[in-house]
Amino acid sequence: MKRIGMRCLPWQLRTGILLVLILAIGVLARELVPRMLRAQSVHFTDGLLLTTNRDRLALCVEPVAAATVDLEVARQRMDAALATLTQHPHWRPAGLAQNAPVVEIGCPGKPYLLEPGVSVKGGKPTGDPVVQRVDVPSRFRVFVYILPEPELARIFGDTSIRRAPQEMFCEGDSCAEVTTGLYLSPREVHDAQFLSDQLAKAIGLELAVPLDPGSPRPDGG
């Protein structure tokens, strides 16, 4: 079969093809270059904010799996819990005191533990970690997802563990969790002590050690 080179095409067609290629390259550059520059400007940092693109502790809250909850009330509860945690002895040394913490309604990502093929075994999630990897970490240090209690029991079983990695970030050959997913029921959001304890563990102010099955829970179970 005889090949037809670009030189054999009419000049109008050659010009049209070149214009399409130039436009496609421009679109890709507009999308990829800013992302690459942002990724290059983000680094791991000392302290519990974990990355350099965060200037304060920020949390987002979102209901999933048809959970029924007043989001504004939930946000206020978390604000109150964070106000209490600002008195934690590790708050200032961990770099959390530079700006006031914030809680916003709506999270920019889906819950990792609700992704297909992901489950929790022995207190640790199993699944494809590539799903969690991001080029640029979210400005939110913790994603708080509110789920119905039956859904929480299905995911975590009979323990009070509520946390899982949400975003993983790599710098060179070093990869680590930089955003934590915290999963709570509407009832747990209204339990001030439980909420404060879980936020402290999700942020890293306290060790995240799961309770054994049968340990006291906020619903008295």
C-alpha atoms as a PDB file:
ATOM      1  CA  MET A   1       0.000   0.000   0.000  1.00  0.00           C
ATOM      2  CA  LYS A   2       1.396   3.395  -0.957  1.00  0.00           C
ATOM      3  CA  ARG A   3       1.949   5.755   1.952  1.00  0.00           C
ATOM      4  CA  ILE A   4       0.704   9.298   1.736  1.00  0.00           C
ATOM      5  CA  GLY A   5       3.002  11.816   3.439  1.00  0.00           C
ATOM      6  CA  MET A   6       2.098  15.244   4.736  1.00  0.00           C
ATOM      7  CA  ARG A   7       3.762  16.830   1.705  1.00  0.00           C
ATOM      8  CA  CYS A   8       1.273  15.111  -0.579  1.00  0.00           C
ATOM      9  CA  LEU A   9      -1.721  16.666   1.178  1.00  0.00           C
ATOM     10  CA  PRO A  10      -3.203  19.984   0.083  1.00  0.00           C
ATOM     11  CA  TRP A  11      -1.636  22.892   1.982  1.00  0.00           C
ATOM     12  CA  GLN A  12      -5.020  23.834   3.489  1.00  0.00           C
ATOM     13  CA  LEU A  13      -5.369  20.356   5.016  1.00  0.00           C
ATOM     14  CA  ARG A  14      -1.772  20.390   6.263  1.00  0.00           C
ATOM     15  CA  THR A  15      -2.385  23.769   7.872  1.00  0.00           C
ATOM     16  CA  GLY A  16      -5.594  22.515   9.506  1.00  0.00           C
ATOM     17  CA  ILE A  17      -3.847  19.459  10.967  1.00  0.00           C
ATOM     18  CA  LEU A  18      -1.020  21.586  12.340  1.00  0.00           C
ATOM     19  CA  LEU A  19      -3.505  23.989  13.938  1.00  0.00           C
ATOM     20  CA  VAL A  20      -5.331  21.094  15.615  1.00  0.00           C
ATOM     21  CA  LEU A  21      -2.036  19.751  16.957  1.00  0.00           C
ATOM     22  CA  ILE A  22      -1.031  23.174  18.262  1.00  0.00           C
ATOM     23  CA  LEU A  23      -4.380  23.627  19.981  1.00  0.00           C
ATOM     24  CA  ALA A  24      -4.170  20.146  21.557  1.00  0.00           C
ATOM     25  CA  ILE A  25      -0.665  20.853  22.858  1.00  0.00           C
ATOM     26  CA  GLY A  26      -1.873  24.178  24.255  1.00  0.00           C
ATOM     27  CA  VAL A  27      -4.757  22.536  26.108  1.00  0.00           C
ATOM     28  CA  LEU A  28      -2.468  19.890  27.595  1.00  0.00           C
ATOM     29  CA  ALA A  29       0.077  22.498  28.627  1.00  0.00           C
ATOM     30  CA  ARG A  30      -2.608  24.624  30.273  1.00  0.00           C
ATOM     31  CA  GLU A  31      -3.763  21.636  32.307  1.00  0.00           C
ATOM     32  CA  LEU A  32      -0.472  19.922  33.084  1.00  0.00           C
ATOM     33  CA  VAL A  33       2.026  22.738  33.595  1.00  0.00           C
ATOM     34  CA  PRO A  34       0.209  24.427  36.533  1.00  0.00           C
ATOM     35  CA  ARG A  35      -0.288  20.996  38.128  1.00  0.00           C
ATOM     36  CA  MET A  36       3.384  20.168  37.755  1.00  0.00           C
ATOM     37  CA  LEU A  37       4.414  23.534  39.159  1.00  0.00           C
ATOM     38  CA  ARG A  38       2.092  23.096  42.143  1.00  0.00           C
ATOM     39  CA  ALA A  39       3.407  19.603  42.758  1.00  0.00           C
ATOM     40  CA  GLN A  40       7.005  20.818  42.601  1.00  0.00           C
ATOM     41  CA  SER A  41       6.237  23.559  45.118  1.00  0.00           C
ATOM     42  CA  VAL A  42       4.743  21.160  47.705  1.00  0.00           C
ATOM     43  CA  HIS A  43       7.027  19.390  50.144  1.00  0.00           C
ATOM     44  CA  PHE A  44       6.766  17.426  53.359  1.00  0.00           C
ATOM     45  CA  THR A  45       7.191  19.566  56.446  1.00  0.00           C
ATOM     46  CA  ASP A  46       7.777  19.088  60.133  1.00  0.00           C
ATOM     47  CA  GLY A  47       4.652  19.367  62.243  1.00  0.00           C
ATOM     48  CA  LEU A  48       1.187  17.904  61.964  1.00  0.00           C
ATOM     49  CA  LEU A  49       0.054  19.876  58.921  1.00  0.00           C
ATOM     50  CA  LEU A  50       2.450  17.517  57.068  1.00  0.00           C
ATOM     51  CA  THR A  51       2.814  19.523  53.818  1.00  0.00           C
ATOM     52  CA  THR A  52       3.945  23.023  52.920  1.00  0.00           C
ATOM     53  CA  ASN A  53       0.749  23.974  51.073  1.00  0.00           C
ATOM     54  CA  ARG A  54      -1.216  24.211  54.363  1.00  0.00           C
ATOM     55  CA  ASP A  55      -1.107  27.351  56.474  1.00  0.00           C
ATOM     56  CA  ARG A  56      -3.599  26.183  59.108  1.00  0.00           C
ATOM     57  CA  LEU A  57      -5.425  23.115  60.353  1.00  0.00           C
ATOM     58  CA  ALA A  58      -8.440  22.696  58.085  1.00  0.00           C
ATOM     59  CA  LEU A  59     -11.117  20.008  58.268  1.00  0.00           C
ATOM     60  CA  CYS A  60     -13.994  19.301  55.921  1.00  0.00           C
ATOM     61  CA  VAL A  61     -17.194  17.457  56.800  1.00  0.00           C
ATOM     62  CA  GLU A  62     -19.595  15.617  54.517  1.00  0.00           C
ATOM     63  CA  PRO A  63     -22.411  13.075  54.939  1.00  0.00           C
ATOM     64  CA  VAL A  64     -22.228   9.888  52.855  1.00  0.00           C
ATOM     65  CA  ALA A  65     -24.247   6.704  52.425  1.00  0.00           C
ATOM     66  CA  ALA A  66     -27.518   8.560  53.036  1.00  0.00           C
ATOM     67  CA  ALA A  67     -26.578   9.693  56.542  1.00  0.00           C
ATOM     68  CA  THR A  68     -29.088  12.075  58.100  1.00  0.00           C
ATOM     69  CA  VAL A  69     -27.346  14.934  59.877  1.00  0.00           C
ATOM     70  CA  ASP A  70     -27.590  18.698  60.297  1.00  0.00           C
ATOM     71  CA  LEU A  71     -24.284  19.727  58.722  1.00  0.00           C
ATOM     72  CA  GLU A  72     -24.205  23.159  60.284  1.00  0.00           C
ATOM     73  CA  VAL A  73     -24.668  21.660  63.736  1.00  0.00           C
ATOM     74  CA  ALA A  74     -21.982  19.068  62.958  1.00  0.00           C
ATOM     75  CA  ARG A  75     -19.629  21.839  61.864  1.00  0.00           C
ATOM     76  CA  GLN A  76     -20.290  23.734  65.098  1.00  0.00           C
ATOM     77  CA  ARG A  77     -19.602  20.597  67.150  1.00  0.00           C
ATOM     78  CA  MET A  78     -16.266  20.167  65.417  1.00  0.00           C
ATOM     79  CA  ASP A  79     -15.421  23.846  65.900  1.00  0.00           C
ATOM     80  CA  ALA A  80     -16.043  23.388  69.619  1.00  0.00           C
ATOM     81  CA  ALA A  81     -13.908  20.231  69.730  1.00  0.00           C
ATOM     82  CA  LEU A  82     -11.044  22.012  67.965  1.00  0.00           C
ATOM     83  CA  ALA A  83     -11.322  24.922  70.387  1.00  0.00           C
ATOM     84  CA  THR A  84     -10.763  22.416  73.180  1.00  0.00           C
ATOM     85  CA  LEU A  85      -7.838  20.812  71.363  1.00  0.00           C
ATOM     86  CA  THR A  86      -6.061  24.164  71.012  1.00  0.00           C
ATOM     87  CA  GLN A  87      -5.274  23.735  74.723  1.00  0.00           C
ATOM     88  CA  HIS A  88      -3.537  20.410  74.081  1.00  0.00           C
ATOM     89  CA  PRO A  89       0.142  20.570  75.133  1.00  0.00           C
ATOM     90  CA  HIS A  90       1.245  19.406  71.673  1.00  0.00           C
ATOM     91  CA  TRP A  91      -0.863  21.912  69.733  1.00  0.00           C
ATOM     92  CA  ARG A  92       1.718  24.690  69.475  1.00  0.00           C
ATOM     93  CA  PRO A  93       4.850  22.491  69.157  1.00  0.00           C
ATOM     94  CA  ALA A  94       3.120  20.623  66.306  1.00  0.00           C
ATOM     95  CA  GLY A  95       2.813  23.840  64.265  1.00  0.00           C
ATOM     96  CA  LEU A  96      -0.971  24.128  64.604  1.00  0.00           C
ATOM     97  CA  ALA A  97      -1.081  27.534  66.293  1.00  0.00           C
ATOM     98  CA  GLN A  98       0.057  29.712  63.399  1.00  0.00           C
ATOM     99  CA  ASN A  99      -3.536  30.351  62.253  1.00  0.00           C
ATOM    100  CA  ALA A 100      -6.990  29.551  63.655  1.00  0.00           C
ATOM    101  CA  PRO A 101      -8.346  26.117  62.640  1.00  0.00           C
ATOM    102  CA  VAL A 102     -11.331  25.957  60.303  1.00  0.00           C
ATOM    103  CA  VAL A 103     -14.082  23.452  59.541  1.00  0.00           C
ATOM    104  CA  GLU A 104     -15.839  23.636  56.171  1.00  0.00           C
ATOM    105  CA  ILE A 105     -18.831  21.782  54.772  1.00  0.00           C
ATOM    106  CA  GLY A 106     -18.078  19.621  51.755  1.00  0.00           C
ATOM    107  CA  CYS A 107     -15.007  17.478  51.064  1.00  0.00           C
ATOM    108  CA  PRO A 108     -13.171  17.411  47.711  1.00  0.00           C
ATOM    109  CA  GLY A 109     -12.764  13.642  47.569  1.00  0.00           C
ATOM    110  CA  LYS A 110     -14.772  10.440  47.936  1.00  0.00           C
ATOM    111  CA  PRO A 111     -14.254   8.278  51.053  1.00  0.00           C
ATOM    112  CA  TYR A 112     -11.444   5.834  50.345  1.00  0.00           C
ATOM    113  CA  LEU A 113     -13.089   3.140  52.448  1.00  0.00           C
ATOM    114  CA  LEU A 114     -16.155   3.234  50.195  1.00  0.00           C
ATOM    115  CA  GLU A 115     -14.118   2.653  47.031  1.00  0.00           C
ATOM    116  CA  PRO A 116     -14.745  -0.707  45.282  1.00  0.00           C
ATOM    117  CA  GLY A 117     -12.499  -3.467  46.575  1.00  0.00           C
ATOM    118  CA  VAL A 118     -11.488  -1.628  49.755  1.00  0.00           C
ATOM    119  CA  SER A 119     -12.115  -3.141  53.185  1.00  0.00           C
ATOM    120  CA  VAL A 120     -10.751  -2.932  56.723  1.00  0.00           C
ATOM    121  CA  LYS A 121      -8.966  -5.945  58.209  1.00  0.00           C
ATOM    122  CA  GLY A 122      -7.271  -5.881  61.579  1.00  0.00           C
ATOM    123  CA  GLY A 123      -7.858  -2.152  61.828  1.00  0.00           C
ATOM    124  CA  LYS A 124      -6.052  -1.457  58.540  1.00  0.00           C
ATOM    125  CA  PRO A 125      -7.550  -0.745  55.107  1.00  0.00           C
ATOM    126  CA  THR A 126      -6.823  -3.115  52.239  1.00  0.00           C
ATOM    127  CA  GLY A 127      -7.169  -2.010  48.654  1.00  0.00           C
ATOM    128  CA  ASP A 128      -5.319  -0.276  45.834  1.00  0.00           C
ATOM    129  CA  PRO A 129      -3.120   2.468  47.371  1.00  0.00           C
ATOM    130  CA  VAL A 130      -2.728   4.099  43.953  1.00  0.00           C
ATOM    131  CA  VAL A 131      -6.285   5.413  44.384  1.00  0.00           C
ATOM    132  CA  GLN A 132      -5.082   7.440  47.367  1.00  0.00           C
ATOM    133  CA  ARG A 133      -2.034   8.987  45.727  1.00  0.00           C
ATOM    134  CA  VAL A 134      -2.312  12.685  44.824  1.00  0.00           C
ATOM    135  CA  ASP A 135       0.028  15.065  43.008  1.00  0.00           C
ATOM    136  CA  VAL A 136      -1.009  17.965  45.234  1.00  0.00           C
ATOM    137  CA  PRO A 137      -2.431  17.294  48.726  1.00  0.00           C
ATOM    138  CA  SER A 138      -5.722  18.849  49.688  1.00  0.00           C
ATOM    139  CA  ARG A 139      -5.612  21.885  51.942  1.00  0.00           C
ATOM    140  CA  PHE A 140      -7.756  19.845  54.352  1.00  0.00           C
ATOM    141  CA  ARG A 141      -5.740  17.804  56.849  1.00  0.00           C
ATOM    142  CA  VAL A 142      -8.762  15.651  57.800  1.00  0.00           C
ATOM    143  CA  PHE A 143     -11.827  14.647  55.779  1.00  0.00           C
ATOM    144  CA  VAL A 144     -14.673  13.904  58.206  1.00  0.00           C
ATOM    145  CA  TYR A 145     -17.325  11.615  56.725  1.00  0.00           C
ATOM    146  CA  ILE A 146     -20.598  11.063  58.557  1.00  0.00           C
ATOM    147  CA  LEU A 147     -22.205   7.660  57.938  1.00  0.00           C
ATOM    148  CA  PRO A 148     -25.183   5.752  59.332  1.00  0.00           C
ATOM    149  CA  GLU A 149     -24.242   3.486  62.245  1.00  0.00           C
ATOM    150  CA  PRO A 150     -24.985   0.237  60.334  1.00  0.00           C
ATOM    151  CA  GLU A 151     -22.569   1.333  57.614  1.00  0.00           C
ATOM    152  CA  LEU A 152     -19.877   2.110  60.181  1.00  0.00           C
ATOM    153  CA  ALA A 153     -20.358  -1.327  61.738  1.00  0.00           C
ATOM    154  CA  ARG A 154     -20.058  -2.948  58.308  1.00  0.00           C
ATOM    155  CA  ILE A 155     -16.770  -1.133  57.624  1.00  0.00           C
ATOM    156  CA  PHE A 156     -15.035  -1.216  61.001  1.00  0.00           C
ATOM    157  CA  GLY A 157     -16.694  -4.094  62.816  1.00  0.00           C
ATOM    158  CA  ASP A 158     -16.897  -4.105  66.608  1.00  0.00           C
ATOM    159  CA  THR A 159     -14.138  -1.586  67.351  1.00  0.00           C
ATOM    160  CA  SER A 160     -14.044   2.151  67.894  1.00  0.00           C
ATOM    161  CA  ILE A 161     -11.415   2.725  65.197  1.00  0.00           C
ATOM    162  CA  ARG A 162     -12.662   5.397  62.822  1.00  0.00           C
ATOM    163  CA  ARG A 163      -9.628   6.448  60.793  1.00  0.00           C
ATOM    164  CA  ALA A 164      -7.987   5.522  57.495  1.00  0.00           C
ATOM    165  CA  PRO A 165      -5.531   7.185  55.121  1.00  0.00           C
ATOM    166  CA  GLN A 166      -7.361   9.370  52.601  1.00  0.00           C
ATOM    167  CA  GLU A 167      -4.528  10.908  50.564  1.00  0.00           C
ATOM    168  CA  MET A 168      -0.965   9.699  49.994  1.00  0.00           C
ATOM    169  CA  PHE A 169       1.747  12.049  48.720  1.00  0.00           C
ATOM    170  CA  CYS A 170       5.172  11.213  47.346  1.00  0.00           C
ATOM    171  CA  GLU A 171       8.261  13.382  47.240  1.00  0.00           C
ATOM    172  CA  GLY A 172      11.034  11.569  45.460  1.00  0.00           C
ATOM    173  CA  ASP A 173      11.104   8.013  46.804  1.00  0.00           C
ATOM    174  CA  SER A 174       9.392   8.985  50.064  1.00  0.00           C
ATOM    175  CA  CYS A 175       5.613   8.441  50.251  1.00  0.00           C
ATOM    176  CA  ALA A 176       3.363   8.998  53.261  1.00  0.00           C
ATOM    177  CA  GLU A 177      -0.185   9.665  54.387  1.00  0.00           C
ATOM    178  CA  VAL A 178      -0.842  13.411  54.367  1.00  0.00           C
ATOM    179  CA  THR A 179      -4.634  13.467  54.692  1.00  0.00           C
ATOM    180  CA  THR A 180      -6.677  11.338  57.067  1.00  0.00           C
ATOM    181  CA  GLY A 181     -10.249  10.171  56.619  1.00  0.00           C
ATOM    182  CA  LEU A 182     -12.311  10.161  59.818  1.00  0.00           C
ATOM    183  CA  TYR A 183     -15.579   8.204  59.783  1.00  0.00           C
ATOM    184  CA  LEU A 184     -18.261   9.033  62.354  1.00  0.00           C
ATOM    185  CA  SER A 185     -21.946   8.401  62.967  1.00  0.00           C
ATOM    186  CA  PRO A 186     -24.340  11.305  63.645  1.00  0.00           C
ATOM    187  CA  ARG A 187     -24.525  10.146  67.276  1.00  0.00           C
ATOM    188  CA  GLU A 188     -20.743  10.224  67.647  1.00  0.00           C
ATOM    189  CA  VAL A 189     -20.591  13.779  66.316  1.00  0.00           C
ATOM    190  CA  HIS A 190     -22.767  14.805  69.287  1.00  0.00           C
ATOM    191  CA  ASP A 191     -20.584  12.996  71.830  1.00  0.00           C
ATOM    192  CA  ALA A 192     -18.177  15.805  72.731  1.00  0.00           C
ATOM    193  CA  GLN A 193     -15.529  13.647  74.407  1.00  0.00           C
ATOM    194  CA  PHE A 194     -15.544  10.936  71.750  1.00  0.00           C
ATOM    195  CA  LEU A 195     -15.402  13.542  68.971  1.00  0.00           C
ATOM    196  CA  SER A 196     -12.520  15.373  70.627  1.00  0.00           C
ATOM    197  CA  ASP A 197     -10.590  12.113  71.131  1.00  0.00           C
ATOM    198  CA  GLN A 198     -11.102  10.989  67.540  1.00  0.00           C
ATOM    199  CA  LEU A 199     -10.086  14.364  66.121  1.00  0.00           C
ATOM    200  CA  ALA A 200      -6.965  14.377  68.285  1.00  0.00           C
ATOM    201  CA  LYS A 201      -5.999  10.957  66.902  1.00  0.00           C
ATOM    202  CA  ALA A 202      -6.841  11.861  63.299  1.00  0.00           C
ATOM    203  CA  ILE A 203      -4.729  15.023  63.528  1.00  0.00           C
ATOM    204  CA  GLY A 204      -1.910  13.194  65.262  1.00  0.00           C
ATOM    205  CA  LEU A 205      -2.039  14.860  68.672  1.00  0.00           C
ATOM    206  CA  GLU A 206      -2.676  11.485  70.270  1.00  0.00           C
ATOM    207  CA  LEU A 207      -1.648   7.955  69.335  1.00  0.00           C
ATOM    208  CA  ALA A 208      -4.258   6.266  67.183  1.00  0.00           C
ATOM    209  CA  VAL A 209      -4.642   2.959  69.039  1.00  0.00           C
ATOM    210  CA  PRO A 210      -7.921   1.132  68.295  1.00  0.00           C
ATOM    211  CA  LEU A 211      -9.986  -0.157  71.167  1.00  0.00           C
ATOM    212  CA  ASP A 212     -10.485  -3.878  71.542  1.00  0.00           C
ATOM    213  CA  PRO A 213     -13.848  -5.384  70.590  1.00  0.00           C
ATOM    214  CA  GLY A 214     -16.308  -4.873  73.422  1.00  0.00           C
ATOM    215  CA  SER A 215     -14.737  -1.618  74.622  1.00  0.00           C
ATOM    216  CA  PRO A 216     -17.160   1.140  75.679  1.00  0.00           C
ATOM    217  CA  ARG A 217     -18.509   3.177  72.768  1.00  0.00           C
ATOM    218  CA  PRO A 218     -20.475   6.438  72.690  1.00  0.00           C
ATOM    219  CA  ASP A 219     -23.756   4.626  72.060  1.00  0.00           C
ATOM    220  CA  GLY A 220     -23.233   2.494  75.162  1.00  0.00           C
ATOM    221  CA  GLY A 221     -22.754  -0.625  73.022  1.00  0.00           C
END
